[in-house]
Structures are given as C-alpha cells and as structure tokens.
Amino acid sequence: MAVTTPRNYGNAVERNRTKRIIREVFRNIKEHLKPDGYDLLFVVYKKNLEYNDTFSELFSICGQAGIINVSE
C-alpha cells in the first residue's frame, strides 16, 4: 500500500498529515480485505481530510474494486 500526494497539494505538513490519515484508515480496513495480495496506490487530491469521512470513502472504493471480503 502506498500513498502519494502531488507537490502542489500544500506544504509538507499538510501532505504528511493526509498520508498519516490514509495509512490509519487503511490499517483499520485491511482486516476486511480479501487475502489475495493486492498492491494498492492511493493518490490523494482532496484537502482537509477527516478520519470518519475518509474511512467511509476508502471502504466504498475498496468495495467497488471488489477487494472487500463480503463473507464477514
């Protein structure tokens, strides 16, 4: 799993905060993912991320990609 932000996203503090939020959300979602060994790259353009909104959006995106384990 990798997270990247464009250089014009903001200063380094904003970019690193965004990456930390995405990593934490992914850490909480990965128990729901299928164990098939995926390589994921998240390119973030949206600013001012909040944990709860990001969690639901990322869970939805993973569901649309078909990598959420639906047997739980």
Protein backbone atom coordinates (compact mmCIF):
# COMPACT_ATOMS: atom_id res chain seq x y z
CA MET A 1 0.00 0.00 0.00
CA ALA A 2 1.36 3.39 -0.94
CA VAL A 3 0.01 6.91 -0.55
CA THR A 4 1.08 9.84 -2.64
CA THR A 5 0.06 13.47 -2.90
CA PRO A 6 1.00 15.96 -5.60
CA ARG A 7 3.62 18.52 -4.67
CA ASN A 8 1.14 21.36 -5.18
CA TYR A 9 -1.20 19.75 -2.59
CA GLY A 10 0.13 22.02 0.13
CA ASN A 11 3.15 22.26 2.34
CA ALA A 12 4.93 19.20 3.75
CA VAL A 13 2.92 19.29 6.98
CA GLU A 14 -0.39 19.05 5.08
CA ARG A 15 0.90 16.27 2.81
CA ASN A 16 2.23 14.22 5.72
CA ARG A 17 -0.96 14.65 7.77
CA THR A 18 -3.01 13.42 4.83
CA LYS A 19 -0.74 10.41 4.37
CA ARG A 20 -0.99 9.56 8.08
CA ILE A 21 -4.80 9.66 7.93
CA ILE A 22 -4.90 7.39 4.86
CA ARG A 23 -2.46 4.92 6.45
CA GLU A 24 -4.50 4.78 9.67
CA VAL A 25 -7.75 4.26 7.76
CA PHE A 26 -6.13 1.50 5.70
CA ARG A 27 -4.81 -0.15 8.87
CA ASN A 28 -8.40 -0.38 10.15
CA ILE A 29 -9.82 -1.56 6.81
CA LYS A 30 -7.23 -4.20 5.94
CA GLU A 31 -8.86 -6.85 8.16
CA HIS A 32 -11.88 -6.69 5.81
CA LEU A 33 -9.83 -7.10 2.62
CA LYS A 34 -9.52 -10.36 0.74
CA PRO A 35 -6.16 -12.02 1.39
CA ASP A 36 -5.24 -12.22 -2.29
CA GLY A 37 -2.18 -9.97 -2.17
CA TYR A 38 -3.06 -6.65 -3.78
CA ASP A 39 -0.81 -3.70 -4.47
CA LEU A 40 -2.72 -0.51 -3.73
CA LEU A 41 -1.74 3.04 -4.60
CA PHE A 42 -3.77 5.94 -3.26
CA VAL A 43 -3.28 9.30 -4.96
CA VAL A 44 -4.90 11.96 -2.80
CA TYR A 45 -6.15 15.26 -4.24
CA LYS A 46 -8.87 16.17 -1.75
CA LYS A 47 -7.74 18.52 1.02
CA ASN A 48 -8.85 18.77 4.64
CA LEU A 49 -9.46 15.07 5.17
CA GLU A 50 -11.24 13.89 8.29
CA TYR A 51 -10.90 10.32 9.57
CA ASN A 52 -14.59 9.30 9.51
CA ASP A 53 -15.26 10.63 6.00
CA THR A 54 -12.07 9.10 4.70
CA PHE A 55 -12.89 5.73 6.27
CA SER A 56 -16.29 5.51 4.58
CA GLU A 57 -14.94 6.70 1.22
CA LEU A 58 -12.00 4.28 1.26
CA PHE A 59 -14.21 1.38 2.34
CA SER A 60 -16.60 2.22 -0.50
CA ILE A 61 -13.78 2.42 -3.04
CA CYS A 62 -12.39 -0.94 -1.94
CA GLY A 63 -15.89 -2.42 -2.18
CA GLN A 64 -16.32 -1.10 -5.72
CA ALA A 65 -12.94 -2.62 -6.62
CA GLY A 66 -14.18 -5.98 -5.31
CA ILE A 67 -11.45 -6.48 -2.74
CA ILE A 68 -13.67 -6.38 0.37
CA ASN A 69 -14.36 -9.79 1.90
CA VAL A 70 -18.19 -9.98 1.90
CA SER A 71 -18.36 -13.23 3.90
CA GLU A 72 -17.97 -11.29 7.19
